[in-house]
Amino acid sequence: MPLDKSFTGRSYPPGDVYEVGREKIREFADAVGATSPLHRDPAAARAAGYADVIAPPTFATVISMKSTSIVVDDPELGLDYSRVVHGSQTFVHHRPMVAGDRLVSVVHVDDVQTRMGNDFLTIRAEITTEDGESVCTSTGLLVARGEDA
């Protein structure tokens, strides 16, 4: 059954606060092979002009995946996650994520389409500080393979 196209344009309220921690940054940097001291050494980060260690750019996926689950898990959408492949992901960083940041996300469904029996779902997460400072815009495309695909 195709996804509910009426979800296009839908927005969700901000989710729970995500507090960016030094250890999470270090673990993520290790996992992706990011070797910069800016991800591990607070003194190096301060010398570079940051308040604390900064996260690698793709760290935003940790926050965006958590926040976009509100759409993916919505039963009214009709998404069978067992048939989903990740089509694409982009990040537009307005500034680095820094240890100590308290971030929230507002999630938007930008597009729902069906093409050649497959559903394409574009979800955008606007990640900001609790005070509303823009930090990152994350946009992902999920492809739900059709029964005949």
Protein backbone atom coordinates (compact mmCIF):
# COMPACT_ATOMS: atom_id res chain seq x y z
CA MET A 1 0.00 0.00 0.00
CA PRO A 2 1.48 3.41 -0.95
CA LEU A 3 2.43 5.97 1.67
CA ASP A 4 -0.14 8.58 2.62
CA LYS A 5 0.74 11.57 0.41
CA SER A 6 -1.22 13.91 2.68
CA PHE A 7 1.82 13.81 5.00
CA THR A 8 3.63 16.19 2.61
CA GLY A 9 3.98 19.53 4.40
CA ARG A 10 3.35 18.07 7.85
CA SER A 11 5.52 19.33 10.73
CA TYR A 12 5.98 17.90 14.18
CA PRO A 13 6.63 19.77 17.44
CA PRO A 14 10.16 19.83 18.85
CA GLY A 15 11.25 16.56 20.41
CA ASP A 16 13.18 15.97 23.60
CA VAL A 17 16.37 17.91 24.28
CA TYR A 18 19.57 16.14 23.23
CA GLU A 19 22.59 17.20 25.27
CA VAL A 20 25.79 16.81 23.27
CA GLY A 21 28.44 15.17 25.42
CA ARG A 22 32.22 14.98 25.09
CA GLU A 23 32.22 11.20 25.41
CA LYS A 24 29.55 10.78 22.71
CA ILE A 25 31.59 13.01 20.40
CA ARG A 26 34.75 10.99 21.09
CA GLU A 27 32.95 7.68 20.53
CA PHE A 28 31.44 8.93 17.28
CA ALA A 29 34.79 10.32 16.09
CA ASP A 30 36.40 6.95 16.81
CA ALA A 31 33.62 5.13 14.93
CA VAL A 32 33.99 7.25 11.79
CA GLY A 33 37.78 7.56 11.91
CA ALA A 34 37.80 11.31 12.56
CA THR A 35 41.23 11.99 14.05
CA SER A 36 41.18 15.76 14.62
CA PRO A 37 42.09 16.81 18.16
CA LEU A 38 39.12 19.21 17.96
CA HIS A 39 36.90 16.16 18.59
CA ARG A 40 38.83 14.99 21.67
CA ASP A 41 40.92 17.73 23.26
CA PRO A 42 39.07 20.63 24.93
CA ALA A 43 42.25 22.75 25.01
CA ALA A 44 42.77 22.30 21.26
CA ALA A 45 39.13 23.16 20.61
CA ARG A 46 39.35 26.30 22.78
CA ALA A 47 42.57 27.33 21.01
CA ALA A 48 40.63 27.04 17.72
CA GLY A 49 37.90 29.35 19.07
CA TYR A 50 35.30 26.82 20.27
CA ALA A 51 33.82 26.59 23.77
CA ASP A 52 34.55 22.84 23.93
CA VAL A 53 35.22 19.87 21.65
CA ILE A 54 33.26 19.86 18.40
CA ALA A 55 31.45 16.94 16.80
CA PRO A 56 32.37 15.55 13.39
CA PRO A 57 29.92 16.85 10.76
CA THR A 58 28.07 13.54 10.40
CA PHE A 59 27.36 13.46 14.16
CA ALA A 60 24.15 15.25 13.19
CA THR A 61 22.81 11.87 12.07
CA VAL A 62 22.59 10.78 15.73
CA ILE A 63 20.15 13.59 16.44
CA SER A 64 18.29 13.54 13.13
CA MET A 65 17.67 9.77 13.22
CA LYS A 66 16.26 10.01 16.73
CA SER A 67 14.03 12.95 15.86
CA THR A 68 12.74 11.66 12.51
CA SER A 69 11.52 8.44 14.12
CA ILE A 70 8.33 10.36 14.95
CA VAL A 71 7.49 10.26 11.22
CA VAL A 72 8.81 6.77 10.48
CA ASP A 73 6.90 5.28 13.43
CA ASP A 74 3.61 7.06 12.66
CA PRO A 75 1.19 4.23 11.76
CA GLU A 76 -1.00 6.60 9.70
CA LEU A 77 1.86 7.10 7.21
CA GLY A 78 1.81 3.40 6.30
CA LEU A 79 5.59 2.89 6.13
CA ASP A 80 6.83 -0.71 6.35
CA TYR A 81 10.34 -0.05 7.67
CA SER A 82 11.45 -3.59 6.80
CA ARG A 83 11.27 -2.54 3.14
CA VAL A 84 13.18 0.76 3.57
CA VAL A 85 16.57 1.61 2.14
CA HIS A 86 18.35 4.88 2.78
CA GLY A 87 18.35 6.92 -0.43
CA SER A 88 20.37 9.98 0.56
CA GLN A 89 21.33 12.27 3.42
CA THR A 90 22.52 15.86 3.44
CA PHE A 91 23.58 18.17 6.22
CA VAL A 92 23.79 21.95 6.05
CA HIS A 93 25.74 23.08 9.10
CA HIS A 94 25.12 26.57 10.39
CA ARG A 95 27.81 26.06 13.01
CA PRO A 96 29.58 23.04 14.58
CA MET A 97 27.90 21.02 17.29
CA VAL A 98 29.82 21.58 20.52
CA ALA A 99 29.95 19.52 23.70
CA GLY A 100 27.44 21.04 26.09
CA ASP A 101 24.98 22.07 23.38
CA ARG A 102 21.37 21.34 24.26
CA LEU A 103 19.68 20.68 20.94
CA VAL A 104 16.10 20.18 19.77
CA SER A 105 14.72 19.21 16.38
CA VAL A 106 11.62 20.21 14.49
CA VAL A 107 10.80 17.59 11.86
CA HIS A 108 9.12 18.29 8.53
CA VAL A 109 7.84 15.94 5.83
CA ASP A 110 8.97 17.69 2.68
CA ASP A 111 7.74 15.18 0.12
CA VAL A 112 5.99 11.84 -0.35
CA GLN A 113 5.99 10.32 -3.83
CA THR A 114 5.38 6.98 -5.46
CA ARG A 115 7.41 6.13 -8.54
CA MET A 116 7.62 2.80 -10.32
CA GLY A 117 5.98 1.07 -7.37
CA ASN A 118 8.39 2.48 -4.77
CA ASP A 119 7.64 5.14 -2.18
CA PHE A 120 10.02 8.06 -1.64
CA LEU A 121 9.84 9.94 1.66
CA THR A 122 11.84 13.14 2.20
CA ILE A 123 12.20 14.18 5.84
CA ARG A 124 13.94 17.34 7.08
CA ALA A 125 15.05 18.00 10.65
CA GLU A 126 15.83 21.58 11.67
CA ILE A 127 18.24 21.20 14.58
CA THR A 128 18.57 24.21 16.88
CA THR A 129 19.68 25.05 20.38
CA GLU A 130 16.96 25.32 23.02
CA ASP A 131 17.19 29.08 22.50
CA GLY A 132 16.45 28.74 18.79
CA GLU A 133 19.94 29.21 17.30
CA SER A 134 20.18 27.25 14.03
CA VAL A 135 22.81 24.53 14.19
CA CYS A 136 22.09 22.11 11.32
CA THR A 137 19.51 21.23 8.70
CA SER A 138 19.41 17.50 8.00
CA THR A 139 17.50 16.16 5.00
CA GLY A 140 17.08 12.47 4.34
CA LEU A 141 15.42 10.42 1.63
CA LEU A 142 13.97 7.03 2.52
CA VAL A 143 12.90 4.63 -0.22
CA ALA A 144 10.32 1.99 0.64
CA ARG A 145 10.65 -0.77 -1.92
CA GLY A 146 7.36 -1.82 -3.43
CA GLU A 147 6.08 -5.39 -3.34
CA ASP A 148 7.18 -6.01 -6.94
CA ALA A 149 10.55 -4.23 -6.67
